[in-house]
Protein backbone atom coordinates (compact mmCIF):
# COMPACT_ATOMS: atom_id res chain seq x y z
CA MET A 1 11.14 -17.06 -31.74
CA THR A 2 7.40 -15.79 -32.87
CA LYS A 3 4.14 -16.30 -30.80
CA ASN A 4 0.91 -15.32 -30.81
CA TYR A 5 -1.37 -14.83 -27.68
CA ASP A 6 -4.97 -13.97 -26.60
CA LEU A 7 -3.32 -12.13 -24.11
CA VAL A 8 0.32 -10.41 -23.17
CA ILE A 9 1.04 -9.40 -19.64
CA LEU A 10 4.07 -6.97 -18.54
CA GLY A 11 4.65 -7.34 -15.15
CA GLY A 12 4.24 -10.66 -13.22
CA GLY A 13 3.55 -8.56 -9.82
CA THR A 14 -0.10 -8.81 -7.91
CA GLY A 15 -2.36 -7.29 -10.73
CA GLY A 16 0.22 -9.02 -13.78
CA TYR A 17 0.01 -12.98 -12.10
CA VAL A 18 -4.15 -12.61 -10.43
CA ALA A 19 -5.10 -11.19 -14.54
CA ALA A 20 -3.28 -14.35 -16.24
CA ILE A 21 -4.97 -16.69 -14.36
CA LYS A 22 -8.51 -14.87 -14.69
CA ALA A 23 -7.73 -14.95 -18.58
CA ALA A 24 -6.62 -18.54 -18.21
CA GLU A 25 -10.22 -19.50 -16.34
CA LEU A 26 -11.89 -17.50 -19.27
CA ASN A 27 -9.89 -19.88 -21.90
CA LEU A 28 -7.46 -17.54 -23.38
CA SER A 29 -3.90 -17.82 -23.98
CA VAL A 30 -2.00 -16.04 -22.04
CA ALA A 31 1.53 -15.10 -21.13
CA ILE A 32 3.46 -12.35 -18.08
CA VAL A 33 7.11 -11.32 -19.06
CA GLU A 34 8.67 -10.29 -16.56
CA LYS A 35 12.05 -9.37 -15.82
CA ASP A 36 12.80 -10.52 -11.79
CA LYS A 37 10.51 -12.76 -9.76
CA LEU A 38 6.54 -13.32 -9.85
CA GLY A 39 4.63 -11.41 -7.54
CA GLY A 40 6.59 -8.17 -8.18
CA THR A 41 6.77 -5.51 -5.26
CA CYS A 42 3.75 -6.36 -2.59
CA LEU A 43 5.10 -9.71 -2.55
CA HIS A 44 8.87 -9.32 -2.55
CA ARG A 45 9.94 -5.65 -1.68
CA GLY A 46 6.36 -4.05 -0.19
CA CYS A 47 3.62 -5.58 1.57
CA ILE A 48 4.70 -8.84 2.30
CA PRO A 49 8.02 -8.34 4.12
CA SER A 50 7.69 -5.26 5.70
CA LYS A 51 4.47 -6.46 7.36
CA ALA A 52 6.29 -9.72 8.30
CA LEU A 53 9.07 -7.59 10.17
CA LEU A 54 6.11 -5.17 11.44
CA LYS A 55 5.09 -8.27 13.34
CA SER A 56 8.53 -9.21 14.86
CA ALA A 57 8.49 -5.80 16.34
CA GLU A 58 4.90 -5.96 17.52
CA VAL A 59 6.00 -9.40 19.26
CA TYR A 60 9.07 -8.19 20.60
CA ARG A 61 6.55 -4.60 22.11
CA LYS A 62 4.25 -7.40 23.45
CA ALA A 63 6.75 -9.58 25.32
CA LYS A 64 8.39 -6.35 27.03
CA GLU A 65 4.54 -5.86 28.40
CA ALA A 66 3.83 -9.17 29.02
CA SER A 67 3.99 -8.39 32.90
CA LEU A 68 1.35 -6.38 32.43
CA PHE A 69 -0.91 -9.48 31.85
CA GLY A 70 0.82 -11.30 35.15
CA VAL A 71 3.51 -13.31 32.48
CA GLN A 72 7.28 -12.88 33.92
CA ILE A 73 9.60 -13.21 31.06
CA ASN A 74 13.37 -12.95 32.60
CA GLU A 75 15.16 -11.77 29.43
CA ILE A 76 13.91 -10.26 26.25
CA GLY A 77 16.14 -9.23 22.95
CA PHE A 78 15.41 -9.20 19.95
CA GLU A 79 17.37 -10.48 16.50
CA LEU A 80 16.99 -8.54 13.27
CA SER A 81 19.07 -11.50 11.52
CA LYS A 82 16.25 -14.25 12.45
CA ALA A 83 13.37 -11.49 12.03
CA MET A 84 14.76 -11.12 8.52
CA ASP A 85 15.36 -14.97 8.16
CA ARG A 86 11.66 -15.67 9.10
CA LYS A 87 10.48 -12.57 6.71
CA ASN A 88 12.43 -14.73 3.26
CA GLU A 89 11.05 -17.69 4.30
CA ILE A 90 6.91 -16.16 4.60
CA VAL A 91 8.12 -14.54 1.39
CA ASN A 92 9.47 -17.23 -0.13
CA SER A 93 6.57 -19.56 0.69
CA LEU A 94 4.20 -17.20 -0.89
CA HIS A 95 6.43 -17.18 -4.16
CA GLN A 96 6.04 -20.87 -4.47
CA GLY A 97 2.22 -20.50 -3.84
CA VAL A 98 2.09 -18.32 -7.10
CA LYS A 99 4.49 -20.45 -9.08
CA GLN A 100 2.26 -23.47 -8.77
CA LEU A 101 -1.01 -21.63 -9.07
CA VAL A 102 0.80 -20.02 -12.48
CA ASN A 103 2.01 -22.88 -13.83
CA LYS A 104 -1.57 -25.02 -12.59
CA GLU A 105 -3.10 -22.72 -15.34
CA LYS A 106 -0.66 -23.13 -17.38
CA ILE A 107 0.36 -19.51 -18.51
CA THR A 108 4.03 -19.10 -20.36
CA ILE A 109 6.30 -17.44 -18.44
CA PHE A 110 9.27 -15.22 -20.67
CA LYS A 111 11.36 -13.99 -17.88
CA GLY A 112 13.01 -11.00 -19.51
CA MET A 113 12.30 -7.33 -20.34
CA GLY A 114 9.44 -6.84 -22.19
CA ARG A 115 9.05 -3.36 -25.21
CA ILE A 116 6.08 -2.72 -26.69
CA LEU A 117 6.56 -2.10 -30.41
CA GLY A 118 5.13 0.17 -32.92
CA PRO A 119 2.79 -0.85 -36.29
CA SER A 120 5.83 -4.00 -37.78
CA ILE A 121 5.92 -6.76 -40.04
CA PHE A 122 4.12 -8.83 -37.38
CA SER A 123 1.43 -6.76 -36.87
CA PRO A 124 -0.41 -4.02 -38.21
CA THR A 125 -0.78 -2.18 -34.94
CA SER A 126 1.29 -1.46 -32.45
CA GLY A 127 1.51 -4.36 -29.28
CA THR A 128 3.48 -6.70 -30.64
CA ILE A 129 5.94 -7.18 -27.44
CA SER A 130 9.57 -7.80 -27.37
CA VAL A 131 10.91 -9.95 -24.87
CA GLU A 132 15.01 -8.78 -24.63
CA TYR A 133 17.56 -11.03 -22.49
CA ASP A 134 20.02 -10.04 -20.14
CA ASP A 135 22.45 -13.11 -21.99
CA GLU A 136 22.67 -13.51 -25.45
CA ARG A 137 19.81 -15.05 -26.39
CA GLU A 138 17.48 -13.45 -29.67
CA ASN A 139 14.57 -11.23 -28.88
CA ASP A 140 11.87 -13.33 -28.41
CA MET A 141 8.39 -11.61 -30.44
CA LEU A 142 4.89 -12.13 -28.90
CA ILE A 143 1.97 -11.14 -30.81
CA PRO A 144 -1.00 -10.22 -28.72
CA LYS A 145 -5.22 -10.02 -29.41
CA ASN A 146 -4.72 -7.73 -26.13
CA VAL A 147 -1.53 -6.18 -24.26
CA LEU A 148 -2.07 -5.37 -20.01
CA ILE A 149 0.15 -2.95 -19.03
CA SER A 150 1.20 -3.90 -15.05
CA THR A 151 4.58 -3.39 -14.57
CA GLY A 152 4.41 -1.45 -10.80
CA ALA A 153 5.64 1.07 -9.65
CA SER A 154 9.15 2.59 -7.56
CA PRO A 155 10.17 4.60 -4.85
CA VAL A 156 10.96 8.11 -6.16
CA ALA A 157 14.55 8.93 -4.78
CA PRO A 158 15.66 12.50 -6.54
CA SER A 159 19.19 12.12 -7.47
CA LYS A 160 20.25 15.73 -5.47
CA LEU A 161 19.35 13.23 -2.13
CA GLY A 162 22.11 10.62 -3.55
CA VAL A 163 20.85 7.77 -2.15
CA ASP A 164 23.35 4.82 -1.28
CA GLY A 165 21.68 2.00 -0.66
CA ASP A 166 23.71 2.59 3.28
CA LYS A 167 23.37 6.48 4.85
CA ILE A 168 20.75 7.16 2.62
CA VAL A 169 18.00 4.98 1.87
CA THR A 170 14.61 3.31 0.56
CA SER A 171 12.04 1.05 1.85
CA ASP A 172 13.57 -1.69 -0.56
CA HIS A 173 17.17 -1.26 1.25
CA LEU A 174 15.65 -1.51 4.78
CA LEU A 175 14.44 -4.77 3.81
CA GLU A 176 17.64 -5.82 3.25
CA LEU A 177 19.27 -3.95 6.92
CA LYS A 178 22.08 -6.37 8.67
CA GLU A 179 22.20 -4.33 12.09
CA LEU A 180 19.56 -1.97 13.53
CA PRO A 181 20.51 1.91 13.12
CA GLU A 182 20.64 3.93 16.47
CA SER A 183 18.46 6.74 14.80
CA ILE A 184 16.91 7.00 12.05
CA THR A 185 15.23 10.09 9.99
CA ILE A 186 12.32 9.47 7.42
CA LEU A 187 11.46 11.65 4.85
CA GLY A 188 8.16 11.70 4.25
CA GLY A 189 5.21 10.91 6.78
CA GLY A 190 2.64 9.01 4.31
CA VAL A 191 1.82 5.00 4.92
CA ILE A 192 4.81 3.49 4.34
CA GLY A 193 7.33 6.72 6.18
CA VAL A 194 4.73 5.41 8.87
CA GLU A 195 4.49 2.39 9.19
CA TRP A 196 8.81 1.97 9.26
CA ALA A 197 8.79 4.97 12.47
CA SER A 198 6.28 2.17 13.86
CA PHE A 199 9.04 -0.96 13.69
CA PHE A 200 11.86 1.02 14.41
CA CYS A 201 10.14 2.61 17.63
CA ASP A 202 8.96 -1.13 18.78
CA LEU A 203 13.02 -1.50 18.88
CA GLY A 204 13.76 1.50 20.84
CA VAL A 205 15.25 2.95 17.55
CA LYS A 206 15.42 7.14 17.87
CA VAL A 207 12.94 8.05 15.35
CA THR A 208 12.29 11.36 13.20
CA ILE A 209 9.80 12.42 10.17
CA VAL A 210 9.66 15.01 8.20
CA GLU A 211 6.92 15.31 6.37
CA ALA A 212 6.12 18.76 3.91
CA ALA A 213 2.55 18.36 4.10
CA LYS A 214 0.26 19.74 7.29
CA THR A 215 0.38 16.53 8.84
CA ILE A 216 1.50 13.23 8.91
CA LEU A 217 -0.73 10.90 6.53
CA PRO A 218 -1.84 14.47 4.84
CA GLN A 219 -4.44 11.81 2.48
CA MET A 220 -6.69 9.90 5.62
CA ASP A 221 -9.08 11.68 7.73
CA GLN A 222 -6.84 14.25 10.05
CA ASP A 223 -8.81 13.02 13.74
CA LEU A 224 -6.70 9.93 12.34
CA ALA A 225 -3.14 11.29 11.73
CA LYS A 226 -3.30 13.53 14.91
CA GLN A 227 -4.15 10.23 16.55
CA MET A 228 -1.24 8.57 14.83
CA LYS A 229 1.14 11.71 15.94
CA SER A 230 0.30 11.80 19.39
CA ALA A 231 1.02 7.68 19.50
CA LEU A 232 4.07 7.96 17.56
CA GLU A 233 5.65 10.67 19.46
CA ASN A 234 4.54 9.17 22.66
CA ARG A 235 6.57 6.25 21.78
CA GLY A 236 9.03 8.93 21.47
CA ALA A 237 9.33 9.70 18.41
CA THR A 238 9.93 13.56 16.74
CA ILE A 239 7.96 14.52 14.09
CA TYR A 240 8.83 17.91 11.61
CA GLU A 241 4.90 18.38 9.82
CA ASN A 242 5.00 21.65 7.07
CA SER A 243 8.28 20.90 7.07
CA LYS A 244 10.99 20.54 4.27
CA LEU A 245 14.70 19.20 3.59
CA GLN A 246 17.12 21.20 2.61
CA GLU A 247 18.17 18.91 0.01
CA ASP A 248 21.70 20.09 -1.39
CA SER A 249 23.01 20.46 2.64
CA ILE A 250 23.01 17.14 3.32
CA GLU A 251 26.96 16.34 5.26
CA GLN A 252 28.13 12.68 6.01
CA SER A 253 30.57 11.60 8.13
CA ASP A 254 32.21 7.95 8.81
CA ASN A 255 28.76 7.25 11.12
CA SER A 256 26.16 9.82 10.84
CA LEU A 257 24.67 12.51 8.56
CA THR A 258 23.78 15.97 9.55
CA ILE A 259 20.94 17.40 7.20
CA LYS A 260 18.47 20.82 7.90
CA VAL A 261 15.18 20.96 7.90
CA THR A 262 13.24 23.94 7.43
CA ARG A 263 9.47 25.18 9.13
CA ASP A 264 7.97 28.29 9.31
CA GLY A 265 10.76 29.75 9.10
CA GLU A 266 13.50 28.27 11.18
CA GLU A 267 15.94 26.19 10.18
CA TYR A 268 16.59 23.41 11.98
CA SER A 269 20.10 21.08 12.08
CA LEU A 270 19.70 17.32 12.89
CA GLU A 271 21.93 14.30 12.85
CA THR A 272 20.81 10.40 11.75
CA GLU A 273 22.34 7.87 11.33
CA LYS A 274 20.18 6.70 8.57
CA LEU A 275 17.95 9.14 6.37
CA LEU A 276 15.18 7.20 4.73
CA VAL A 277 13.96 8.63 1.22
CA SER A 278 9.82 7.86 1.42
CA ILE A 279 8.38 10.39 -0.79
CA GLY A 280 6.20 8.38 -2.78
CA ARG A 281 6.28 5.78 -5.88
CA ALA A 282 6.85 6.20 -9.13
CA PRO A 283 5.20 4.58 -12.12
CA ASN A 284 7.43 1.86 -13.94
CA THR A 285 6.87 2.78 -17.83
CA LYS A 286 10.77 4.32 -18.98
CA ASN A 287 11.86 1.20 -21.44
CA ILE A 288 8.85 -0.90 -21.75
CA GLY A 289 8.03 1.31 -25.12
CA ILE A 290 4.90 3.46 -25.11
CA GLU A 291 7.04 5.68 -26.85
CA ASN A 292 6.19 3.50 -29.63
CA THR A 293 2.06 3.87 -29.20
CA ASP A 294 -0.67 6.86 -29.09
CA ILE A 295 -1.03 5.84 -25.41
CA LYS A 296 -0.81 8.99 -23.10
CA THR A 297 0.71 9.68 -19.70
CA ASN A 298 -0.24 12.93 -17.21
CA LYS A 299 1.70 15.51 -15.90
CA ASN A 300 3.05 12.76 -12.94
CA GLY A 301 3.91 10.18 -15.46
CA PHE A 302 0.98 7.62 -15.66
CA ILE A 303 -0.62 5.97 -18.28
CA GLU A 304 -4.19 7.68 -18.38
CA ILE A 305 -7.15 5.52 -18.96
CA ASN A 306 -10.70 5.15 -19.74
CA GLU A 307 -13.62 3.37 -17.08
CA PHE A 308 -12.61 -0.10 -18.68
CA TYR A 309 -8.77 0.20 -18.29
CA GLN A 310 -8.63 0.85 -22.18
CA THR A 311 -5.32 2.77 -22.75
CA LYS A 312 -5.65 4.86 -26.14
CA GLU A 313 -4.71 1.95 -27.94
CA ASP A 314 -8.17 0.14 -26.71
CA HIS A 315 -6.06 -3.67 -27.17
CA ILE A 316 -3.51 -2.45 -24.78
CA TYR A 317 -5.09 -1.49 -21.34
CA ALA A 318 -3.30 -1.09 -17.91
CA ILE A 319 -3.70 -1.31 -14.63
CA GLY A 320 -2.16 -1.04 -10.68
CA ASP A 321 0.16 1.26 -10.10
CA VAL A 322 1.07 2.77 -13.53
CA ILE A 323 -2.26 4.55 -13.56
CA GLU A 324 -3.20 7.01 -11.17
CA GLY A 325 -5.40 6.30 -8.09
CA LYS A 326 -4.50 4.12 -4.95
CA GLN A 327 -0.83 2.34 -5.10
CA LEU A 328 -2.92 -1.12 -3.31
CA ALA A 329 -2.13 -4.34 -4.43
CA HIS A 330 -5.50 -5.42 -3.50
CA VAL A 331 -6.83 -2.44 -5.75
CA ALA A 332 -4.59 -3.96 -8.62
CA MET A 333 -6.02 -7.17 -7.98
CA GLN A 334 -9.54 -5.88 -8.28
CA GLU A 335 -8.65 -4.06 -11.74
CA ALA A 336 -6.64 -6.91 -13.06
CA GLU A 337 -9.63 -8.98 -13.26
CA LEU A 338 -12.39 -6.36 -14.21
CA ALA A 339 -9.49 -5.65 -17.34
CA VAL A 340 -9.93 -8.76 -18.34
CA GLU A 341 -13.56 -9.56 -18.18
CA HIS A 342 -13.67 -6.55 -20.24
CA MET A 343 -11.27 -7.69 -23.47
CA SER A 344 -13.18 -10.91 -23.04
CA GLY A 345 -16.32 -9.18 -23.82
CA GLU A 346 -18.02 -8.91 -20.23
CA LYS A 347 -19.82 -5.88 -19.08
CA ILE A 348 -17.96 -4.22 -16.12
CA GLU A 349 -18.44 -1.40 -14.00
CA LYS A 350 -15.57 0.54 -12.88
CA LEU A 351 -13.95 0.19 -9.50
CA LYS A 352 -15.12 3.10 -7.28
CA ASN A 353 -12.27 4.64 -4.64
CA GLU A 354 -15.16 4.87 -1.66
CA HIS A 355 -15.29 1.27 -2.02
CA ILE A 356 -11.81 0.83 -1.89
CA PRO A 357 -10.35 0.16 2.09
CA SER A 358 -6.76 1.53 3.18
CA CYS A 359 -4.48 -0.29 5.66
CA VAL A 360 -1.53 1.55 7.80
CA TYR A 361 -0.43 -1.38 9.39
CA SER A 362 1.70 0.52 12.73
CA TYR A 363 1.01 0.43 16.25
CA PRO A 364 -1.95 1.81 16.44
CA GLU A 365 -3.38 0.67 12.94
CA ILE A 366 -5.31 2.53 10.73
CA ALA A 367 -7.96 1.44 8.41
CA SER A 368 -10.36 3.98 6.52
CA ILE A 369 -13.22 3.26 3.28
CA GLY A 370 -15.41 6.39 2.01
CA LEU A 371 -14.83 9.99 2.91
CA THR A 372 -13.07 11.84 5.05
CA GLU A 373 -14.46 14.61 7.29
CA ASN A 374 -13.17 16.97 5.26
CA GLU A 375 -14.42 15.77 1.77
CA VAL A 376 -18.03 15.39 3.43
CA LYS A 377 -17.94 18.89 3.82
CA SER A 378 -16.44 19.99 0.62
CA LYS A 379 -18.71 17.66 -1.35
CA GLY A 380 -21.71 19.78 0.88
CA PHE A 381 -23.25 17.21 2.70
CA GLU A 382 -25.15 16.87 5.71
CA PHE A 383 -23.79 14.62 7.17
CA GLU A 384 -23.60 13.21 11.38
CA ILE A 385 -20.80 11.89 13.09
CA ALA A 386 -20.12 9.41 15.79
CA LYS A 387 -16.38 8.72 17.59
CA ILE A 388 -16.25 6.23 19.81
CA PRO A 389 -13.15 5.35 21.88
CA PHE A 390 -11.76 2.15 22.18
CA LYS A 391 -11.46 2.86 26.06
CA MET A 392 -15.21 2.08 25.67
CA ILE A 393 -14.91 -1.78 24.70
CA GLY A 394 -14.31 -4.09 26.86
CA LYS A 395 -12.04 -6.77 24.55
CA ALA A 396 -10.45 -3.56 24.06
CA LYS A 397 -9.72 -3.76 27.94
CA ILE A 398 -8.67 -7.31 28.66
CA ASN A 399 -6.32 -6.78 25.01
CA GLY A 400 -4.27 -4.55 26.82
CA GLN A 401 -4.44 -1.76 24.36
CA ASP A 402 -8.04 0.51 24.47
CA ASP A 403 -5.94 3.30 22.62
CA GLY A 404 -7.56 5.14 19.36
CA PHE A 405 -11.06 5.14 18.38
CA ALA A 406 -13.74 4.70 15.21
CA LYS A 407 -15.68 7.16 12.91
CA ILE A 408 -18.46 7.07 11.35
CA ILE A 409 -19.67 9.06 9.15
CA ILE A 410 -23.21 8.91 7.74
CA ASN A 411 -25.42 11.09 5.37
CA LYS A 412 -28.34 12.88 7.35
CA GLU A 413 -30.79 12.57 4.53
CA ASN A 414 -30.71 9.14 3.40
CA ASP A 415 -28.90 7.55 6.57
CA ASP A 416 -26.00 6.06 3.87
CA LEU A 417 -22.59 5.75 5.15
CA LEU A 418 -20.17 8.03 4.02
CA GLY A 419 -16.98 7.46 5.19
CA ALA A 420 -15.36 5.02 8.19
CA HIS A 421 -11.80 5.34 9.79
CA LEU A 422 -10.25 3.43 12.52
CA ILE A 423 -6.88 3.66 14.56
CA GLY A 424 -6.75 1.10 17.03
CA ASP A 425 -5.96 -2.78 17.60
CA GLN A 426 -6.86 -5.32 14.72
CA ALA A 427 -8.14 -2.05 12.60
CA THR A 428 -7.01 -3.73 9.25
CA GLU A 429 -8.94 -6.90 10.54
CA MET A 430 -12.49 -4.64 11.44
CA ILE A 431 -12.32 -2.48 8.13
CA THR A 432 -13.91 -5.60 6.43
CA GLN A 433 -17.10 -5.46 7.57
CA LEU A 434 -17.62 -1.89 7.29
CA SER A 435 -16.03 -2.29 3.67
CA LEU A 436 -19.35 -4.63 2.60
CA ALA A 437 -21.66 -2.07 4.38
CA LYS A 438 -19.98 0.35 2.41
CA TYR A 439 -20.41 -2.09 -1.07
CA LEU A 440 -23.87 -3.09 -0.02
CA ASP A 441 -25.03 0.61 0.51
CA ALA A 442 -25.62 -0.51 3.82
CA SER A 443 -28.00 2.31 6.07
CA ALA A 444 -26.96 3.30 9.12
CA SER A 445 -30.59 1.66 10.73
CA GLU A 446 -29.79 -1.33 9.41
CA MET A 447 -25.88 -1.55 10.73
CA ASP A 448 -28.10 -0.18 14.00
CA GLU A 449 -30.07 -3.54 13.86
CA MET A 450 -26.79 -5.86 13.30
CA VAL A 451 -26.13 -8.24 16.43
CA TYR A 452 -22.45 -7.79 17.64
CA PRO A 453 -20.40 -10.18 19.34
CA HIS A 454 -19.58 -9.28 23.26
CA PRO A 455 -17.28 -9.17 23.76
CA SER A 456 -15.59 -8.14 20.69
CA LEU A 457 -13.26 -5.20 19.19
CA SER A 458 -16.09 -4.80 16.45
CA GLU A 459 -18.51 -3.78 19.12
CA ILE A 460 -16.86 -0.53 18.05
CA ILE A 461 -19.00 0.01 15.37
CA GLY A 462 -22.17 -1.03 16.33
CA GLU A 463 -21.64 1.35 19.71
CA ALA A 464 -21.04 4.22 16.80
CA VAL A 465 -24.03 3.37 14.59
CA HIS A 466 -26.04 3.29 18.11
CA ALA A 467 -25.05 6.80 19.13
CA ILE A 468 -25.83 8.25 15.63
CA LYS A 469 -29.37 6.40 15.95
CA GLY A 470 -29.58 7.97 19.46
CA ARG A 471 -29.23 4.61 21.22
CA ASN A 472 -26.49 4.50 23.46
CA VAL A 473 -26.00 1.33 24.93
CA GLN A 474 -22.86 1.29 27.66
């Protein structure tokens, strides 16, 4: 069967379905080709299920601390199966919501594998999409005016490590965990690795992190990384930074793995029940027909685009985790809308990195926007920093979670906000205020003049800008 569309989207993840809804609102005929479920990694294997499990672990941790608030709980336990059931219910509920949104806009869904074809009898240019099915159905041919590639990314799992889904796993496998291990070693101390480390620490699992960079969370402000390292170690984690796993030295027994790690020329032998491979995510660009087009990819396999999200084939766009940049769901959503607006003839400005907040949903939480201190220094700014601990904030004391700090970096030349970095209770919620300030180009003086509710955790932002303006009030 051959059908014509204004837009065909490869991938029904966060970026894909948001793009489809936007296109439908602009009265474009649109189809999504998705081989699995609408919602993609974020909904089914990433953001939502992992945060649901982190919430369960948080409640368990807080229950153990209840006596500090005068609350006596006689028996405290954690049932992994119930936490998993709750996670699945949340995912299923949101999945139904996404399907309803897509159906409401009369968007056509093709459940199959989409492959881009080169010039053919169907079209003088590349871009026709062949939809291939697992069963014996003939391929559908979709002829679009525009194509949007939004196929996401998958965990990197080098073949040498022998990922088996049992002892050696990725984050995808952990979302279906049946029993808690006694110990786990996490290869990679980035955002995903740290979140899983926090989850397992809360549940009493022995955690070891092996990170190749000088610090965990190497892309974040280093004050945050140091504070997080200290927090995890205080909860029992062992962290090897500037360290490398010897991939060919893994030994397996019935109940455990023995791995070797080198750091500063010394070798360490570690025994662990499971090994989580969390060393990044690679773009899903194989077997989608890129070789049939003039689309270019960089050395890391990401699709090259211009400022309008167009590939070398200007009617084929790409967004989300298949392009270079921050692999975040909220980034894919924004890029989706911008790409669709551009192909509809609207004027757009590409999303700026300094306007994108980044979050780590660990305990304690981390949230950042703008430049890190090292980036500010490397760019040659004249700057001023205020760093305020949560211990100064009444609401943090009330909540019983006063570890962490807020760090604000201001441009001395024009009073602009260069960067903001939070680690502590509800940091991932408070970053929105700073994101708005950054987007609106608010000055430190303007932020200083705001009225901050008392008592509130957000007062820490006010205290930071008060300090920069020389008027500490506590």
